[in-house]
Amino acid sequence: MRGTWQGEKYQKIAEQLHRSEGHVRDVASELWEIISDVLREEVNKSNFRSAIERWRFSIISSKFKALLNYGMMKLSSERQK
């Protein structure tokens, strides 16, 4: 994952891990499948980083919305007192 995040080729990743390029491709393929299932979108080596960044943004966005909703409810209940 780190090598892909940094934009490295499978060949370089394989060299760093002392594995064959074919092995790295096979493991990566399984990884993309798992991540695709979790994120509910097609993920591969070329869009991995952008897919994770979109996912992180959606989490932050949803937490921010929940915080805003909580704040608005709290203000509303305080005004009614």
C-alpha atoms as a PDB file:
ATOM      1  CA  MET A   1       0.000   0.000   0.000  1.00  0.00           C
ATOM      2  CA  ARG A   2       2.758   2.422   0.887  1.00  0.00           C
ATOM      3  CA  GLY A   3       4.487   1.978  -2.455  1.00  0.00           C
ATOM      4  CA  THR A   4       1.251   2.475  -4.348  1.00  0.00           C
ATOM      5  CA  TRP A   5       0.416   5.552  -2.251  1.00  0.00           C
ATOM      6  CA  GLN A   6       3.808   6.970  -3.236  1.00  0.00           C
ATOM      7  CA  GLY A   7       3.201   6.196  -6.918  1.00  0.00           C
ATOM      8  CA  GLU A   8       5.825   3.477  -7.231  1.00  0.00           C
ATOM      9  CA  LYS A   9       5.706   0.819  -9.943  1.00  0.00           C
ATOM     10  CA  TYR A  10       5.043  -2.802  -8.985  1.00  0.00           C
ATOM     11  CA  GLN A  11       8.570  -3.705 -10.083  1.00  0.00           C
ATOM     12  CA  LYS A  12      10.124  -1.300  -7.573  1.00  0.00           C
ATOM     13  CA  ILE A  13       7.765  -2.443  -4.814  1.00  0.00           C
ATOM     14  CA  ALA A  14       8.718  -6.052  -5.564  1.00  0.00           C
ATOM     15  CA  GLU A  15      12.432  -5.235  -5.374  1.00  0.00           C
ATOM     16  CA  GLN A  16      11.992  -3.487  -2.021  1.00  0.00           C
ATOM     17  CA  LEU A  17      10.066  -6.464  -0.619  1.00  0.00           C
ATOM     18  CA  HIS A  18      12.350  -9.092  -2.176  1.00  0.00           C
ATOM     19  CA  ARG A  19       9.385 -10.643  -3.979  1.00  0.00           C
ATOM     20  CA  SER A  20       8.569 -11.239  -7.613  1.00  0.00           C
ATOM     21  CA  GLU A  21       6.627  -8.618  -9.496  1.00  0.00           C
ATOM     22  CA  GLY A  22       3.978 -11.258 -10.230  1.00  0.00           C
ATOM     23  CA  HIS A  23       3.521 -11.943  -6.521  1.00  0.00           C
ATOM     24  CA  VAL A  24       3.143  -8.239  -5.770  1.00  0.00           C
ATOM     25  CA  ARG A  25       0.567  -7.894  -8.573  1.00  0.00           C
ATOM     26  CA  ASP A  26      -1.408 -10.883  -7.245  1.00  0.00           C
ATOM     27  CA  VAL A  27      -1.457  -9.562  -3.679  1.00  0.00           C
ATOM     28  CA  ALA A  28      -2.317  -6.065  -4.919  1.00  0.00           C
ATOM     29  CA  SER A  29      -5.214  -7.437  -6.971  1.00  0.00           C
ATOM     30  CA  GLU A  30      -6.667  -9.060  -3.859  1.00  0.00           C
ATOM     31  CA  LEU A  31      -6.150  -5.853  -1.923  1.00  0.00           C
ATOM     32  CA  TRP A  32      -7.939  -3.736  -4.568  1.00  0.00           C
ATOM     33  CA  GLU A  33     -10.849  -6.167  -4.463  1.00  0.00           C
ATOM     34  CA  ILE A  34     -11.157  -5.898  -0.671  1.00  0.00           C
ATOM     35  CA  ILE A  35     -10.854  -2.114  -0.679  1.00  0.00           C
ATOM     36  CA  SER A  36     -13.375  -1.881  -3.542  1.00  0.00           C
ATOM     37  CA  ASP A  37     -15.881  -3.898  -1.501  1.00  0.00           C
ATOM     38  CA  VAL A  38     -15.384  -1.720   1.573  1.00  0.00           C
ATOM     39  CA  LEU A  39     -15.543   1.609  -0.275  1.00  0.00           C
ATOM     40  CA  ARG A  40     -18.245   0.398  -2.674  1.00  0.00           C
ATOM     41  CA  GLU A  41     -16.375   1.688  -5.698  1.00  0.00           C
ATOM     42  CA  GLU A  42     -13.854   0.293  -8.162  1.00  0.00           C
ATOM     43  CA  VAL A  43     -10.375   0.739  -6.683  1.00  0.00           C
ATOM     44  CA  ASN A  44      -7.120  -0.079  -8.469  1.00  0.00           C
ATOM     45  CA  LYS A  45      -3.501   0.996  -8.417  1.00  0.00           C
ATOM     46  CA  SER A  46      -4.127   4.145 -10.436  1.00  0.00           C
ATOM     47  CA  ASN A  47      -7.050   5.483  -8.375  1.00  0.00           C
ATOM     48  CA  PHE A  48      -6.174   4.093  -4.923  1.00  0.00           C
ATOM     49  CA  ARG A  49      -4.960   7.365  -3.438  1.00  0.00           C
ATOM     50  CA  SER A  50      -7.879   9.442  -4.716  1.00  0.00           C
ATOM     51  CA  ALA A  51     -10.396   6.805  -3.555  1.00  0.00           C
ATOM     52  CA  ILE A  52      -8.958   6.832  -0.021  1.00  0.00           C
ATOM     53  CA  GLU A  53      -8.882  10.637   0.038  1.00  0.00           C
ATOM     54  CA  ARG A  54     -12.562  10.775  -1.039  1.00  0.00           C
ATOM     55  CA  TRP A  55     -13.409   8.255   1.690  1.00  0.00           C
ATOM     56  CA  ARG A  56     -11.551  10.283   4.332  1.00  0.00           C
ATOM     57  CA  PHE A  57     -13.298  13.455   3.210  1.00  0.00           C
ATOM     58  CA  SER A  58     -16.725  11.788   3.392  1.00  0.00           C
ATOM     59  CA  ILE A  59     -16.037  10.629   6.958  1.00  0.00           C
ATOM     60  CA  ILE A  60     -14.890  14.078   8.041  1.00  0.00           C
ATOM     61  CA  SER A  61     -17.849  15.661   6.278  1.00  0.00           C
ATOM     62  CA  SER A  62     -20.377  13.348   7.930  1.00  0.00           C
ATOM     63  CA  LYS A  63     -18.854  13.910  11.374  1.00  0.00           C
ATOM     64  CA  PHE A  64     -18.915  17.667  10.815  1.00  0.00           C
ATOM     65  CA  LYS A  65     -22.591  17.505   9.765  1.00  0.00           C
ATOM     66  CA  ALA A  66     -23.421  15.472  12.882  1.00  0.00           C
ATOM     67  CA  LEU A  67     -21.611  18.015  15.036  1.00  0.00           C
ATOM     68  CA  LEU A  68     -23.506  20.874  13.405  1.00  0.00           C
ATOM     69  CA  ASN A  69     -26.817  19.081  13.889  1.00  0.00           C
ATOM     70  CA  TYR A  70     -26.002  18.471  17.538  1.00  0.00           C
ATOM     71  CA  GLY A  71     -25.078  22.126  17.994  1.00  0.00           C
ATOM     72  CA  MET A  72     -28.286  23.306  16.338  1.00  0.00           C
ATOM     73  CA  MET A  73     -30.400  20.991  18.535  1.00  0.00           C
ATOM     74  CA  LYS A  74     -28.554  22.179  21.626  1.00  0.00           C
ATOM     75  CA  LEU A  75     -29.104  25.846  20.716  1.00  0.00           C
ATOM     76  CA  SER A  76     -32.766  25.187  19.968  1.00  0.00           C
ATOM     77  CA  SER A  77     -33.365  23.452  23.307  1.00  0.00           C
ATOM     78  CA  GLU A  78     -31.532  26.230  25.195  1.00  0.00           C
ATOM     79  CA  ARG A  79     -33.700  28.887  23.530  1.00  0.00           C
ATOM     80  CA  GLN A  80     -36.874  27.080  24.603  1.00  0.00           C
ATOM     81  CA  LYS A  81     -35.908  27.266  28.277  1.00  0.00           C
END
